[in-house]
Each structure stands twice: as C-alpha cells, then as structure tokens.
Amino acid sequence: MKTKRKKYNAALKAKVGMEAILGVKTVGQIAREYQVHPTLVTQWRKVIRERLPELFEAARPGQEDQGELVAQLHQKIGELTVDLDWLKKKSKQLGLSVHDRS
C-alpha cells in the first residue's frame, strides 16, 4: 500500500531553511525537531540561498508599466467597439447581411 506524501507549507519551509542557513543546529537536529527528512532541510536551505538575491533586485521594467498598458488596451477596446457599431449601422443601411456574434 502506498503512503501519501506529506505536504509542507511555505512558512514551515522558510523557517526550517533559515534555521539551516544560520547554522546554530545541525541539519540532523533541525530535521528531528521538525520531523522532516534531512534531505528536505538541505533542499530548502539551497532554495533560500538561490532565491534570496531576488528580494533585492529592482522591479522589472515591464511590471511598472502594466497599469498604463491596461489603460491603453481599454481605450483601444472602446475605439474598436465604436468602429464595430458604426460598421453594423452602415451595413444595415446598405442592405448587407450582418451576423451579430455578441
């Protein structure tokens, strides 16, 4: 019979990984204290070490302009809606068949 894998939340992983980074206790001691496998402690410590510099990186250029981009896209949607409505009106005046998909 297969046993279910344990799932650990991010807060526990961070806490255990930080304790491993601090080095006050050995990996084995930390693993026994939190009842996790020592390999997990080592993996979580590695993840923290690798991702820690990302906390201090400046925001990416594309992320700052998202609000402006959304506003421009909303404006474009409005323009296209007006154009579509005008074309529907003119096609009816000219007697052309229009299939309304909305």
C-alpha atoms as a PDB file:
ATOM      1  CA  MET A   1       0.000   0.000   0.000  1.00  0.00           C
ATOM      2  CA  LYS A   2       1.349   3.419  -0.950  1.00  0.00           C
ATOM      3  CA  THR A   3       1.658   6.082   1.693  1.00  0.00           C
ATOM      4  CA  LYS A   4       0.659   9.648   0.967  1.00  0.00           C
ATOM      5  CA  ARG A   5       3.403  12.220   0.681  1.00  0.00           C
ATOM      6  CA  LYS A   6       3.456  14.938   3.256  1.00  0.00           C
ATOM      7  CA  LYS A   7       2.958  18.463   2.023  1.00  0.00           C
ATOM      8  CA  TYR A   8       4.663  21.274   3.877  1.00  0.00           C
ATOM      9  CA  ASN A   9       3.530  24.885   3.723  1.00  0.00           C
ATOM     10  CA  ALA A  10       5.824  27.674   2.606  1.00  0.00           C
ATOM     11  CA  ALA A  11       6.104  29.169   6.098  1.00  0.00           C
ATOM     12  CA  LEU A  12       7.494  25.934   7.544  1.00  0.00           C
ATOM     13  CA  LYS A  13       9.912  25.520   4.645  1.00  0.00           C
ATOM     14  CA  ALA A  14      11.176  29.061   5.128  1.00  0.00           C
ATOM     15  CA  LYS A  15      11.558  28.647   8.883  1.00  0.00           C
ATOM     16  CA  VAL A  16      13.404  25.339   8.599  1.00  0.00           C
ATOM     17  CA  GLY A  17      15.570  26.604   5.736  1.00  0.00           C
ATOM     18  CA  MET A  18      16.525  29.758   7.637  1.00  0.00           C
ATOM     19  CA  GLU A  19      17.489  27.737  10.698  1.00  0.00           C
ATOM     20  CA  ALA A  20      19.701  25.601   8.482  1.00  0.00           C
ATOM     21  CA  ILE A  21      21.307  28.711   6.988  1.00  0.00           C
ATOM     22  CA  LEU A  22      22.007  30.171  10.428  1.00  0.00           C
ATOM     23  CA  GLY A  23      23.939  27.030  11.315  1.00  0.00           C
ATOM     24  CA  VAL A  24      23.196  27.073  15.048  1.00  0.00           C
ATOM     25  CA  LYS A  25      21.939  23.485  14.810  1.00  0.00           C
ATOM     26  CA  THR A  26      22.983  20.687  12.508  1.00  0.00           C
ATOM     27  CA  VAL A  27      20.765  19.577   9.644  1.00  0.00           C
ATOM     28  CA  GLY A  28      20.041  16.365  11.535  1.00  0.00           C
ATOM     29  CA  GLN A  29      18.950  18.235  14.663  1.00  0.00           C
ATOM     30  CA  ILE A  30      16.661  20.510  12.666  1.00  0.00           C
ATOM     31  CA  ALA A  31      15.193  17.528  10.796  1.00  0.00           C
ATOM     32  CA  ARG A  32      14.398  15.705  14.056  1.00  0.00           C
ATOM     33  CA  GLU A  33      12.929  18.837  15.639  1.00  0.00           C
ATOM     34  CA  TYR A  34      10.521  19.473  12.750  1.00  0.00           C
ATOM     35  CA  GLN A  35      10.039  15.785  11.871  1.00  0.00           C
ATOM     36  CA  VAL A  36      11.183  16.175   8.262  1.00  0.00           C
ATOM     37  CA  HIS A  37      13.805  14.304   6.276  1.00  0.00           C
ATOM     38  CA  PRO A  38      17.313  15.835   6.412  1.00  0.00           C
ATOM     39  CA  THR A  39      17.394  15.942   2.611  1.00  0.00           C
ATOM     40  CA  LEU A  40      14.401  18.303   2.661  1.00  0.00           C
ATOM     41  CA  VAL A  41      16.160  20.596   5.100  1.00  0.00           C
ATOM     42  CA  THR A  42      19.156  20.744   2.778  1.00  0.00           C
ATOM     43  CA  GLN A  43      16.955  21.362  -0.280  1.00  0.00           C
ATOM     44  CA  TRP A  44      15.004  24.158   1.424  1.00  0.00           C
ATOM     45  CA  ARG A  45      18.255  25.794   2.573  1.00  0.00           C
ATOM     46  CA  LYS A  46      19.534  25.663  -1.019  1.00  0.00           C
ATOM     47  CA  VAL A  47      16.333  27.224  -2.403  1.00  0.00           C
ATOM     48  CA  ILE A  48      16.566  30.105   0.077  1.00  0.00           C
ATOM     49  CA  ARG A  49      20.203  30.738  -0.771  1.00  0.00           C
ATOM     50  CA  GLU A  50      19.447  30.743  -4.511  1.00  0.00           C
ATOM     51  CA  ARG A  51      16.378  32.980  -4.341  1.00  0.00           C
ATOM     52  CA  LEU A  52      17.459  35.426  -1.653  1.00  0.00           C
ATOM     53  CA  PRO A  53      19.135  37.846  -4.111  1.00  0.00           C
ATOM     54  CA  GLU A  54      15.812  38.206  -5.973  1.00  0.00           C
ATOM     55  CA  LEU A  55      14.392  40.055  -2.968  1.00  0.00           C
ATOM     56  CA  PHE A  56      16.822  42.887  -3.532  1.00  0.00           C
ATOM     57  CA  GLU A  57      16.557  43.160  -7.310  1.00  0.00           C
ATOM     58  CA  ALA A  58      14.861  46.203  -8.776  1.00  0.00           C
ATOM     59  CA  ALA A  59      11.435  45.738 -10.282  1.00  0.00           C
ATOM     60  CA  ARG A  60      11.499  44.593 -13.881  1.00  0.00           C
ATOM     61  CA  PRO A  61      10.799  47.347 -16.421  1.00  0.00           C
ATOM     62  CA  GLY A  62       7.693  45.636 -17.809  1.00  0.00           C
ATOM     63  CA  GLN A  63       5.997  45.378 -14.417  1.00  0.00           C
ATOM     64  CA  GLU A  64       5.899  49.115 -13.768  1.00  0.00           C
ATOM     65  CA  ASP A  65       4.032  49.924 -16.987  1.00  0.00           C
ATOM     66  CA  GLN A  66       1.240  47.382 -16.553  1.00  0.00           C
ATOM     67  CA  GLY A  67      -1.269  49.954 -15.305  1.00  0.00           C
ATOM     68  CA  GLU A  68      -0.568  52.201 -18.272  1.00  0.00           C
ATOM     69  CA  LEU A  69      -0.788  49.244 -20.655  1.00  0.00           C
ATOM     70  CA  VAL A  70      -4.168  48.202 -19.230  1.00  0.00           C
ATOM     71  CA  ALA A  71      -5.486  51.756 -19.676  1.00  0.00           C
ATOM     72  CA  GLN A  72      -4.284  51.829 -23.304  1.00  0.00           C
ATOM     73  CA  LEU A  73      -5.895  48.457 -24.002  1.00  0.00           C
ATOM     74  CA  HIS A  74      -9.207  49.612 -22.504  1.00  0.00           C
ATOM     75  CA  GLN A  75      -9.085  52.701 -24.716  1.00  0.00           C
ATOM     76  CA  LYS A  76      -8.406  50.555 -27.787  1.00  0.00           C
ATOM     77  CA  ILE A  77     -11.317  48.249 -26.913  1.00  0.00           C
ATOM     78  CA  GLY A  78     -13.581  51.289 -26.713  1.00  0.00           C
ATOM     79  CA  GLU A  79     -12.402  52.558 -30.112  1.00  0.00           C
ATOM     80  CA  LEU A  80     -12.920  49.160 -31.728  1.00  0.00           C
ATOM     81  CA  THR A  81     -16.399  48.868 -30.218  1.00  0.00           C
ATOM     82  CA  VAL A  82     -17.362  52.255 -31.670  1.00  0.00           C
ATOM     83  CA  ASP A  83     -15.962  51.237 -35.067  1.00  0.00           C
ATOM     84  CA  LEU A  84     -17.863  47.945 -34.989  1.00  0.00           C
ATOM     85  CA  ASP A  85     -21.123  49.644 -34.078  1.00  0.00           C
ATOM     86  CA  TRP A  86     -20.658  52.149 -36.932  1.00  0.00           C
ATOM     87  CA  LEU A  87     -19.937  49.353 -39.422  1.00  0.00           C
ATOM     88  CA  LYS A  88     -23.024  47.427 -38.323  1.00  0.00           C
ATOM     89  CA  LYS A  89     -25.169  50.545 -38.753  1.00  0.00           C
ATOM     90  CA  LYS A  90     -23.777  51.290 -42.221  1.00  0.00           C
ATOM     91  CA  SER A  91     -24.123  47.680 -43.381  1.00  0.00           C
ATOM     92  CA  LYS A  92     -27.810  47.724 -42.400  1.00  0.00           C
ATOM     93  CA  GLN A  93     -28.292  50.996 -44.305  1.00  0.00           C
ATOM     94  CA  LEU A  94     -26.713  49.420 -47.373  1.00  0.00           C
ATOM     95  CA  GLY A  95     -28.798  46.264 -47.010  1.00  0.00           C
ATOM     96  CA  LEU A  96     -25.854  43.973 -46.336  1.00  0.00           C
ATOM     97  CA  SER A  97     -26.320  40.928 -44.102  1.00  0.00           C
ATOM     98  CA  VAL A  98     -24.584  41.173 -40.732  1.00  0.00           C
ATOM     99  CA  HIS A  99     -24.289  38.311 -38.287  1.00  0.00           C
ATOM    100  CA  ASP A 100     -24.293  39.607 -34.730  1.00  0.00           C
ATOM    101  CA  ARG A 101     -21.930  37.484 -32.630  1.00  0.00           C
ATOM    102  CA  SER A 102     -22.444  39.279 -29.356  1.00  0.00           C
END
